Amino acid sequence: KMAGDSTFPDVDTDGSEKSEEMAIVVNVGGVRQVFYGDNLNQYPETRLAELVNCLSGGYDSIFSLCDDYDPGKREFYFDRDPDAFKCIIDVYYFGEIHMKKGICPICFKNEMEFWKVDLKFLDDCCKAHLSEKKEELEEIARRVQLILDDLGVDASESRWKRCQKCIWKFLEKPESSYPARVIAVLSFLFILISSVVMCVGTIPDLQVVDAEGNRMEHPTLDSIETACIGWFTMEYVLRLISSPNKLHFALSFMNIVDVLAILPFYVSLTLTHLGAKLMELSNVQQAVQALRIMRIARIFKLARHSSGLQTLTYALKRSFKELGLLLMYLAVGIFVFSALGYTMEQSHPETLFKSIPQSFWWAIITMTTVGYGDIYPKTTLGKLNAAISFLCGVIAIALPIHPIINNFVRYYNKQRVLETAAKHELELMELNSAEGKATGSRSELEDLSREGREGPFYSSRIKVSHSDTFIHLLSEEKHYRTRLQSCK
């Protein structure tokens, strides 16, 4: 009956019932809501507003907007997420939308697209959560794509290109093979040995005296240093040659650190052999000593082999606001307490507070709980001021610690989740390859990764999950779900 009818006998089609006064019932996942046309028509481009004017169009018009319809109750049925729908309808009453806790932001975005509600109505805090989830999915796609690129062999590539990929994987990805792990361990050991040699070389008992009476490093330590620099140089040159993007490689922070760790050795060598002819010997020695200090940069090379150091660096970068607040609080406290300390100590004949700028040093070491004892108050009021400054310093240091730790833990856990998600995706792709579906899955990941780099992250190929927290990434022929689309 319903398939053959084109209009409804119980619906007044002569326009006597105005759409503004019409009440409709919407049933979303078993949750019934009553709406009136005057509220819905505030946003005429939304799906609910279109329901008000679709009755005169017949079944084709109605079923293009909903899943089912009861003409007797004038009730529209939708097989959608009722929790997300309760949030979305707030736009008709409050003009903005907030996501409830526990709703997947990616699925909520697709629910908004289904109900034809613009994302501009989503509150800024919820948009930030949505952007974070997008970045996570992009990162998973990027990691999986990198692994696939390493596993795949393109027969059309030249032998030099294939050789470049092998060298890059050998030096940059220790997890790719056992020899790559050995090279990573050797690089780590060379960094440690070089750092130890730099420290041991400053011990006077291990230094030797040259013909001019100047102390210099022991020749054995100098030979070890030369061997370490040779390893660092060879490693950097091979990585630069095999890098797929040499400009990005050269401008990367860790690679700049590598250059700063290597360059002083060659500059010192050049000044030692050639600089004496151009300037006085004393000036050459001073320049060499200054360059040798730059060798401490090599300790930062450890961050390349330590995920913990990388996580700490990221946590500090994300905590600039908290660290800035700490420094500002300390700066105010240092100025106030140093001025008070100088004023209160002026009455003592043996005061150590000669001026307010000199008192800054006392305030710094007191508020940071160091307390060298080289400058200290001698009057009762000065000691009281010192006690208050000490307590304020403890509070100032303790306050931003919790946000910094939270940033560290959040980033560390996020990296572990992304690594696990990428491994699960590869496992599922291996299962699909056994059924002849690996090619289609890889093309989908390439498309997803390409969209994250070149355009909008979500394309028309991403379908919406109606009842769970997954996003279906479907091609025209294959309808299986991968864990890359998991929002958990």
Protein backbone atom coordinates (compact mmCIF):
# COMPACT_ATOMS: atom_id res chain seq x y z
CA LYS A 1 0.00 0.00 0.00
CA MET A 2 2.66 2.47 1.02
CA ALA A 3 4.79 1.70 -2.02
CA GLY A 4 1.94 2.46 -4.39
CA ASP A 5 0.67 5.69 -2.86
CA SER A 6 2.20 9.00 -3.76
CA THR A 7 0.29 11.23 -1.30
CA PHE A 8 -1.37 10.83 2.08
CA PRO A 9 -5.13 11.04 2.44
CA ASP A 10 -4.85 12.36 5.98
CA VAL A 11 -2.61 15.24 5.09
CA ASP A 12 -4.19 18.54 4.10
CA THR A 13 -2.49 19.51 0.85
CA ASP A 14 -4.41 22.74 0.24
CA GLY A 15 -2.10 24.69 2.49
CA SER A 16 -4.70 25.36 5.19
CA GLU A 17 -2.32 24.07 7.82
CA LYS A 18 0.68 26.28 7.95
CA SER A 19 4.12 24.72 8.39
CA GLU A 20 4.87 27.09 11.28
CA GLU A 21 2.01 25.66 13.34
CA MET A 22 2.60 22.01 12.38
CA ALA A 23 3.80 19.58 15.05
CA ILE A 24 5.79 16.51 14.06
CA VAL A 25 7.03 13.57 16.10
CA VAL A 26 10.56 12.31 15.53
CA ASN A 27 11.58 8.90 16.85
CA VAL A 28 15.35 8.45 16.92
CA GLY A 29 16.50 5.07 18.19
CA GLY A 30 13.38 4.71 20.34
CA VAL A 31 13.54 8.22 21.78
CA ARG A 32 10.50 10.32 20.79
CA GLN A 33 10.69 14.11 20.45
CA VAL A 34 7.92 16.54 19.44
CA PHE A 35 8.89 19.58 17.36
CA TYR A 36 6.96 22.57 16.04
CA GLY A 37 7.49 24.20 12.71
CA ASP A 38 8.25 27.64 14.09
CA ASN A 39 11.30 26.28 15.94
CA LEU A 40 12.55 24.11 13.11
CA ASN A 41 12.16 26.77 10.43
CA GLN A 42 14.78 28.91 12.18
CA TYR A 43 17.26 26.71 10.32
CA PRO A 44 15.47 25.77 7.10
CA GLU A 45 18.43 23.90 5.62
CA THR A 46 18.46 21.26 8.36
CA ARG A 47 16.87 17.83 7.92
CA LEU A 48 14.26 18.37 10.63
CA ALA A 49 13.09 21.59 8.98
CA GLU A 50 12.74 19.73 5.69
CA LEU A 51 10.48 17.18 7.39
CA VAL A 52 7.86 19.89 8.01
CA ASN A 53 7.38 20.54 4.29
CA CYS A 54 7.95 17.02 2.92
CA LEU A 55 4.48 15.54 3.58
CA SER A 56 2.94 16.99 0.44
CA GLY A 57 5.68 15.39 -1.64
CA GLY A 58 4.59 11.80 -1.06
CA TYR A 59 6.51 8.76 0.01
CA ASP A 60 9.50 9.42 -2.21
CA SER A 61 10.05 12.78 -0.56
CA ILE A 62 9.52 11.43 2.94
CA PHE A 63 11.72 8.36 2.65
CA SER A 64 14.53 10.43 1.20
CA LEU A 65 14.71 12.11 4.61
CA CYS A 66 13.89 9.35 7.12
CA ASP A 67 13.97 5.58 7.51
CA ASP A 68 10.26 5.03 8.18
CA TYR A 69 7.03 7.00 8.68
CA ASP A 70 3.72 6.43 10.48
CA PRO A 71 1.05 8.61 8.75
CA GLY A 72 -1.48 8.03 11.55
CA LYS A 73 0.78 9.44 14.26
CA ARG A 74 2.68 11.67 11.87
CA GLU A 75 5.83 10.13 13.35
CA PHE A 76 9.18 9.92 11.56
CA TYR A 77 11.58 7.11 12.43
CA PHE A 78 15.36 7.30 12.26
CA ASP A 79 17.88 4.57 12.96
CA ARG A 80 20.43 6.96 14.44
CA ASP A 81 22.26 7.54 17.72
CA PRO A 82 19.71 9.01 20.19
CA ASP A 83 22.40 10.38 22.53
CA ALA A 84 23.97 12.43 19.75
CA PHE A 85 20.53 13.56 18.59
CA LYS A 86 19.71 14.95 22.05
CA CYS A 87 22.77 17.16 21.77
CA ILE A 88 22.12 18.24 18.19
CA ILE A 89 18.57 19.49 18.81
CA ASP A 90 19.96 22.07 21.24
CA VAL A 91 20.72 24.22 18.22
CA TYR A 92 16.96 24.88 17.77
CA TYR A 93 16.60 26.13 21.35
CA PHE A 94 19.98 27.60 22.31
CA GLY A 95 21.72 28.27 19.01
CA GLU A 96 24.77 26.17 19.91
CA ILE A 97 25.70 22.53 20.40
CA HIS A 98 27.79 20.78 23.04
CA MET A 99 28.90 17.15 22.90
CA LYS A 100 28.17 15.05 25.94
CA LYS A 101 31.01 13.21 27.58
CA GLY A 102 31.50 9.71 26.17
CA ILE A 103 30.31 10.45 22.62
CA CYS A 104 32.88 9.87 19.92
CA PRO A 105 33.63 13.27 18.33
CA ILE A 106 34.15 11.80 14.85
CA CYS A 107 30.79 10.02 14.93
CA PHE A 108 29.17 13.15 16.36
CA LYS A 109 30.52 15.18 13.45
CA ASN A 110 28.97 12.72 11.01
CA GLU A 111 25.71 12.81 12.92
CA MET A 112 25.69 16.59 12.50
CA GLU A 113 26.28 16.14 8.79
CA PHE A 114 23.36 13.70 8.59
CA TRP A 115 21.02 16.15 10.32
CA LYS A 116 22.44 18.89 8.07
CA VAL A 117 23.52 21.08 10.97
CA ASP A 118 26.54 23.26 10.24
CA LEU A 119 29.69 22.69 12.30
CA LYS A 120 29.83 26.39 13.14
CA PHE A 121 27.15 25.75 15.79
CA LEU A 122 29.50 23.36 17.63
CA ASP A 123 31.12 25.01 20.64
CA ASP A 124 34.84 25.78 20.48
CA CYS A 125 35.75 23.33 23.25
CA CYS A 126 34.08 20.50 21.35
CA LYS A 127 35.76 21.58 18.09
CA ALA A 128 39.13 21.25 19.81
CA HIS A 129 38.26 17.69 20.86
CA LEU A 130 37.18 16.92 17.30
CA SER A 131 40.42 18.30 15.86
CA GLU A 132 42.45 16.20 18.28
CA LYS A 133 40.65 13.04 17.21
CA LYS A 134 41.20 13.89 13.54
CA GLU A 135 44.91 14.29 14.19
CA GLU A 136 45.02 10.89 15.89
CA LEU A 137 43.43 9.17 12.90
CA GLU A 138 45.75 11.02 10.52
CA GLU A 139 48.74 9.91 12.60
CA ILE A 140 47.59 6.28 12.54
CA ALA A 141 47.14 6.45 8.77
CA ARG A 142 50.58 8.03 8.38
CA ARG A 143 52.28 5.36 10.49
CA VAL A 144 50.58 2.52 8.69
CA GLN A 145 51.41 4.07 5.32
CA LEU A 146 55.09 4.38 6.28
CA ILE A 147 55.18 0.71 7.26
CA LEU A 148 53.49 -0.26 4.00
CA ASP A 149 55.97 1.80 2.04
CA ASP A 150 58.81 -0.03 3.76
CA LEU A 151 57.29 -3.43 3.06
CA GLY A 152 56.36 -2.72 -0.54
CA VAL A 153 58.84 -2.91 -3.41
CA ASP A 154 58.14 -0.84 -6.48
CA ALA A 155 59.59 -2.56 -9.51
CA SER A 156 59.44 0.67 -11.52
CA GLU A 157 61.92 2.40 -9.19
CA SER A 158 65.57 2.58 -10.10
CA ARG A 159 68.21 0.59 -8.29
CA TRP A 160 69.53 3.79 -6.66
CA LYS A 161 66.06 4.63 -5.27
CA ARG A 162 65.70 1.16 -3.81
CA CYS A 163 69.18 1.45 -2.32
CA GLN A 164 68.26 4.79 -0.76
CA LYS A 165 65.17 3.27 0.85
CA CYS A 166 67.20 0.38 2.26
CA ILE A 167 69.82 2.71 3.78
CA TRP A 168 67.13 4.99 5.21
CA LYS A 169 65.27 2.09 6.80
CA PHE A 170 68.54 0.63 8.06
CA LEU A 171 69.57 3.85 9.85
CA GLU A 172 66.23 5.38 10.85
CA LYS A 173 64.09 2.37 11.77
CA PRO A 174 65.80 0.04 14.26
CA GLU A 175 62.68 -2.11 14.53
CA SER A 176 62.86 -3.06 10.83
CA SER A 177 65.57 -5.72 11.22
CA TYR A 178 68.15 -7.20 13.58
CA PRO A 179 71.16 -5.47 11.90
CA ALA A 180 69.30 -2.15 12.16
CA ARG A 181 68.94 -2.72 15.91
CA VAL A 182 72.67 -3.42 16.17
CA ILE A 183 73.46 -0.14 14.37
CA ALA A 184 71.13 1.76 16.70
CA VAL A 185 72.83 0.26 19.76
CA LEU A 186 76.27 1.10 18.35
CA SER A 187 75.21 4.69 17.69
CA PHE A 188 73.91 4.93 21.25
CA LEU A 189 77.20 3.57 22.63
CA PHE A 190 79.27 6.00 20.54
CA ILE A 191 77.25 8.90 21.96
CA LEU A 192 77.87 7.69 25.52
CA ILE A 193 81.58 7.07 24.90
CA SER A 194 82.03 10.48 23.31
CA SER A 195 80.28 12.19 26.23
CA VAL A 196 82.37 10.28 28.79
CA VAL A 197 85.60 11.10 26.94
CA MET A 198 84.67 14.78 26.86
CA CYS A 199 84.21 14.77 30.65
CA VAL A 200 87.26 12.60 31.47
CA GLY A 201 89.48 14.76 29.25
CA THR A 202 89.04 17.69 31.66
CA ILE A 203 90.63 15.81 34.61
CA PRO A 204 94.03 17.42 35.23
CA ASP A 205 95.73 14.13 36.15
CA LEU A 206 94.82 12.66 32.75
CA GLN A 207 95.97 15.66 30.74
CA VAL A 208 99.41 16.07 29.20
CA VAL A 209 101.62 19.14 28.80
CA ASP A 210 102.74 20.17 25.33
CA ALA A 211 106.09 21.73 24.39
CA GLU A 212 104.82 25.21 25.24
CA GLY A 213 103.63 24.23 28.71
CA ASN A 214 99.91 24.21 27.93
CA ARG A 215 97.69 21.42 29.17
CA MET A 216 95.90 19.36 26.54
CA GLU A 217 93.87 16.16 26.33
CA HIS A 218 95.63 12.82 26.43
CA PRO A 219 96.41 11.49 22.91
CA THR A 220 94.47 8.28 23.62
CA LEU A 221 91.34 10.21 24.52
CA ASP A 222 91.88 12.39 21.48
CA SER A 223 92.00 9.28 19.27
CA ILE A 224 88.77 7.96 20.78
CA GLU A 225 87.15 11.35 20.19
CA THR A 226 88.28 11.27 16.54
CA ALA A 227 86.82 7.78 16.06
CA CYS A 228 83.47 8.87 17.54
CA ILE A 229 83.34 11.95 15.32
CA GLY A 230 84.12 9.77 12.32
CA TRP A 231 81.14 7.54 13.17
CA PHE A 232 78.84 10.53 13.66
CA THR A 233 79.98 12.04 10.36
CA MET A 234 79.47 8.84 8.40
CA GLU A 235 76.05 8.31 9.96
CA TYR A 236 74.91 11.86 9.19
CA VAL A 237 76.15 11.76 5.58
CA LEU A 238 74.45 8.41 4.88
CA ARG A 239 71.19 9.61 6.40
CA LEU A 240 71.35 12.83 4.39
CA ILE A 241 72.02 10.97 1.13
CA SER A 242 69.22 8.45 1.73
CA SER A 243 66.70 11.01 3.01
CA PRO A 244 63.56 11.25 0.83
CA ASN A 245 63.23 14.98 1.61
CA LYS A 246 66.66 16.52 2.09
CA LEU A 247 65.45 20.05 2.87
CA HIS A 248 63.16 18.80 5.63
CA PHE A 249 65.98 16.59 6.88
CA ALA A 250 68.47 19.47 7.06
CA LEU A 251 66.04 21.76 8.91
CA SER A 252 64.90 19.13 11.43
CA PHE A 253 65.78 20.04 15.02
CA MET A 254 67.53 16.76 15.85
CA ASN A 255 69.57 16.89 12.65
CA ILE A 256 70.65 20.44 13.49
CA VAL A 257 71.79 19.08 16.85
CA ASP A 258 73.80 16.43 14.99
CA VAL A 259 75.54 19.13 12.94
CA LEU A 260 76.31 21.17 16.05
CA ALA A 261 77.83 18.07 17.66
CA ILE A 262 80.06 17.33 14.65
CA LEU A 263 81.01 20.79 13.36
CA PRO A 264 83.17 21.98 16.32
CA PHE A 265 85.63 19.14 15.78
CA TYR A 266 86.32 20.07 12.16
CA VAL A 267 86.38 23.80 12.87
CA SER A 268 88.86 23.23 15.71
CA LEU A 269 90.97 21.05 13.45
CA THR A 270 90.98 23.75 10.79
CA LEU A 271 91.91 26.49 13.23
CA THR A 272 94.66 24.41 14.76
CA HIS A 273 96.38 23.73 11.43
CA LEU A 274 95.57 26.89 9.48
CA GLY A 275 94.52 29.52 12.02
CA ALA A 276 97.99 30.00 13.44
CA LYS A 277 99.10 31.50 10.15
CA LEU A 278 96.29 34.06 10.17
CA MET A 279 96.11 35.10 13.82
CA GLU A 280 98.02 34.89 17.05
CA LEU A 281 98.41 31.47 18.61
CA SER A 282 96.70 32.56 21.83
CA ASN A 283 93.62 33.64 19.90
CA VAL A 284 93.53 30.28 18.11
CA GLN A 285 93.68 28.40 21.40
CA GLN A 286 90.85 30.50 22.85
CA ALA A 287 88.71 29.84 19.76
CA VAL A 288 89.44 26.10 19.97
CA GLN A 289 88.49 26.01 23.66
CA ALA A 290 85.24 27.86 22.93
CA LEU A 291 84.39 25.40 20.16
CA ARG A 292 85.16 22.42 22.36
CA ILE A 293 82.48 23.61 24.77
CA MET A 294 79.96 23.12 21.94
CA ARG A 295 80.62 19.38 22.15
CA ILE A 296 78.05 19.19 24.93
CA ALA A 297 75.43 19.35 22.16
CA ARG A 298 76.09 15.70 21.37
CA ILE A 299 74.36 14.62 24.57
CA PHE A 300 71.11 15.74 22.94
CA LYS A 301 71.65 13.06 20.31
CA LEU A 302 70.41 10.60 22.92
CA ALA A 303 66.91 11.94 22.32
CA ARG A 304 66.95 10.24 18.91
CA HIS A 305 67.16 6.85 20.61
CA SER A 306 64.99 7.59 23.66
CA SER A 307 61.23 7.90 23.37
CA GLY A 308 61.17 9.07 27.00
CA LEU A 309 63.29 12.15 26.20
CA GLN A 310 61.13 12.88 23.17
CA THR A 311 58.01 12.65 25.31
CA LEU A 312 59.55 14.96 27.92
CA THR A 313 60.43 17.51 25.22
CA TYR A 314 56.89 17.43 23.90
CA ALA A 315 55.44 17.81 27.41
CA LEU A 316 57.59 20.90 28.00
CA LYS A 317 56.52 22.37 24.66
CA ARG A 318 52.88 21.86 25.57
CA SER A 319 53.48 23.37 29.00
CA PHE A 320 54.82 26.77 27.92
CA LYS A 321 51.80 28.49 29.43
CA GLU A 322 52.30 26.84 32.83
CA LEU A 323 56.06 27.47 32.75
CA GLY A 324 55.45 31.10 31.78
CA LEU A 325 53.09 31.47 34.72
CA LEU A 326 55.73 29.99 37.02
CA LEU A 327 58.44 32.37 35.78
CA MET A 328 56.14 35.37 36.07
CA TYR A 329 55.18 34.44 39.64
CA LEU A 330 58.83 33.92 40.58
CA ALA A 331 59.85 37.21 38.93
CA VAL A 332 57.25 39.14 40.94
CA GLY A 333 58.25 37.37 44.15
CA ILE A 334 61.96 37.94 43.55
CA PHE A 335 61.44 41.66 43.02
CA VAL A 336 59.18 42.08 46.06
CA PHE A 337 61.18 40.01 48.56
CA SER A 338 64.56 41.34 47.46
CA ALA A 339 63.32 44.92 47.91
CA LEU A 340 61.87 44.06 51.33
CA GLY A 341 65.03 42.23 52.34
CA TYR A 342 67.24 45.15 51.36
CA THR A 343 65.05 47.60 53.28
CA MET A 344 64.84 45.47 56.44
CA GLU A 345 68.56 44.70 56.56
CA GLN A 346 69.76 48.29 56.25
CA SER A 347 69.59 48.78 60.03
CA HIS A 348 72.18 46.04 60.66
CA PRO A 349 75.81 47.23 60.59
CA GLU A 350 77.09 44.00 59.00
CA THR A 351 74.36 43.66 56.40
CA LEU A 352 75.04 41.50 53.35
CA PHE A 353 72.32 43.20 51.31
CA LYS A 354 74.32 45.97 49.61
CA SER A 355 71.71 46.83 46.95
CA ILE A 356 68.40 45.61 45.57
CA PRO A 357 69.98 44.12 42.39
CA GLN A 358 72.44 42.23 44.58
CA SER A 359 69.48 41.04 46.68
CA PHE A 360 67.97 39.45 43.56
CA TRP A 361 70.48 36.61 43.89
CA TRP A 362 69.40 35.96 47.50
CA ALA A 363 65.72 35.99 46.49
CA ILE A 364 66.32 33.56 43.61
CA ILE A 365 68.18 30.95 45.66
CA THR A 366 65.68 31.32 48.51
CA MET A 367 62.46 31.01 46.47
CA THR A 368 63.86 28.05 44.52
CA THR A 369 64.77 26.37 47.86
CA VAL A 370 68.49 26.17 46.98
CA GLY A 371 69.86 28.34 49.81
CA TYR A 372 73.63 28.57 49.32
CA GLY A 373 74.06 30.62 52.48
CA ASP A 374 76.44 33.14 50.92
CA ILE A 375 73.86 35.89 51.54
CA TYR A 376 71.49 35.65 54.51
CA PRO A 377 69.45 38.05 56.69
CA LYS A 378 70.63 38.96 60.18
CA THR A 379 67.68 40.95 61.53
CA THR A 380 64.43 39.50 62.87
CA LEU A 381 62.29 41.16 60.22
CA GLY A 382 64.72 40.01 57.53
CA LYS A 383 64.46 36.41 58.72
CA LEU A 384 60.66 36.66 58.72
CA ASN A 385 60.78 38.00 55.17
CA ALA A 386 63.07 35.11 54.20
CA ALA A 387 60.64 32.55 55.68
CA ILE A 388 57.69 34.01 53.77
CA SER A 389 59.67 34.11 50.52
CA PHE A 390 60.67 30.48 51.03
CA LEU A 391 57.05 29.36 51.50
CA CYS A 392 55.89 31.37 48.49
CA GLY A 393 58.65 29.79 46.42
CA VAL A 394 57.52 26.27 47.38
CA ILE A 395 53.95 27.10 46.38
CA ALA A 396 55.03 28.70 43.11
CA ILE A 397 57.06 25.65 42.09
CA ALA A 398 54.43 23.11 43.17
CA LEU A 399 51.47 24.67 41.35
CA PRO A 400 52.46 24.01 37.67
CA ILE A 401 53.90 20.54 38.32
CA HIS A 402 50.56 18.77 38.00
CA PRO A 403 49.68 20.16 34.52
CA ILE A 404 53.17 19.37 33.25
CA ILE A 405 52.95 15.78 34.51
CA ASN A 406 49.49 15.45 32.95
CA ASN A 407 50.85 16.62 29.58
CA PHE A 408 53.67 14.08 29.82
CA VAL A 409 51.39 11.16 30.74
CA ARG A 410 48.79 12.14 28.13
CA TYR A 411 51.32 12.29 25.29
CA TYR A 412 53.07 9.08 26.40
CA ASN A 413 49.80 7.14 26.57
CA LYS A 414 48.68 8.62 23.25
CA GLN A 415 51.85 7.41 21.54
CA ARG A 416 51.35 3.90 22.90
CA VAL A 417 47.73 3.88 21.73
CA LEU A 418 48.72 5.04 18.24
CA GLU A 419 51.42 2.38 17.99
CA THR A 420 48.97 -0.31 19.08
CA ALA A 421 46.32 0.91 16.63
CA ALA A 422 48.82 0.86 13.77
CA LYS A 423 49.88 -2.70 14.66
CA HIS A 424 46.25 -3.83 14.83
CA GLU A 425 45.57 -2.28 11.45
CA LEU A 426 48.50 -4.15 9.92
CA GLU A 427 47.32 -7.41 11.50
CA LEU A 428 43.86 -6.94 10.00
CA MET A 429 45.39 -6.12 6.63
CA GLU A 430 47.38 -9.37 6.77
CA LEU A 431 44.15 -11.27 7.43
CA ASN A 432 42.48 -9.48 4.54
CA SER A 433 45.42 -10.21 2.26
CA ALA A 434 44.86 -13.90 2.88
CA GLU A 435 41.40 -13.40 1.38
CA GLY A 436 42.69 -11.35 -1.54
CA LYS A 437 41.71 -7.98 -0.09
CA ALA A 438 45.04 -6.44 0.85
CA THR A 439 45.26 -4.34 -2.30
CA GLY A 440 41.96 -2.60 -1.66
CA SER A 441 42.82 -1.98 2.00
CA ARG A 442 46.13 -0.41 1.08
CA SER A 443 44.55 1.87 -1.48
CA GLU A 444 42.09 3.05 1.18
CA LEU A 445 44.91 3.85 3.59
CA GLU A 446 46.78 5.70 0.86
CA ASP A 447 43.67 7.73 0.09
CA LEU A 448 43.15 8.46 3.79
CA SER A 449 46.77 9.51 4.27
CA ARG A 450 46.69 11.61 1.09
CA GLU A 451 43.51 13.38 2.23
CA GLY A 452 45.16 14.20 5.56
CA ARG A 453 48.06 15.87 3.70
CA GLU A 454 46.38 17.50 0.73
CA GLY A 455 42.79 18.26 1.58
CA PRO A 456 39.86 17.69 3.91
CA PHE A 457 40.34 14.68 6.09
CA TYR A 458 36.94 13.18 5.47
CA SER A 459 35.74 12.38 2.01
CA SER A 460 32.48 11.05 0.69
CA ARG A 461 33.89 7.53 1.00
CA ILE A 462 33.69 7.67 4.79
CA LYS A 463 30.31 6.35 5.88
CA VAL A 464 28.71 6.91 9.22
CA SER A 465 28.20 4.30 11.89
CA HIS A 466 24.66 4.59 13.24
CA SER A 467 24.86 2.64 16.45
CA ASP A 468 28.44 2.25 17.64
CA THR A 469 31.66 4.17 17.97
CA PHE A 470 33.28 3.17 14.69
CA ILE A 471 33.65 4.91 11.38
CA HIS A 472 33.20 2.69 8.37
CA LEU A 473 35.83 3.27 5.71
CA LEU A 474 34.25 1.54 2.73
CA SER A 475 35.17 1.23 -0.90
CA GLU A 476 32.70 0.50 -3.67
CA GLU A 477 33.40 -3.22 -3.61
CA LYS A 478 34.60 -4.06 -0.11
CA HIS A 479 32.49 -3.59 3.02
CA TYR A 480 34.73 -4.69 5.86
CA ARG A 481 35.69 -2.64 8.88
CA THR A 482 39.30 -2.03 9.90
CA ARG A 483 40.58 -0.85 13.25
CA LEU A 484 41.93 2.29 11.68
CA GLN A 485 38.38 3.58 11.90
CA SER A 486 38.09 2.81 15.61
CA CYS A 487 37.47 5.92 17.65
CA LYS A 488 38.14 4.26 20.96
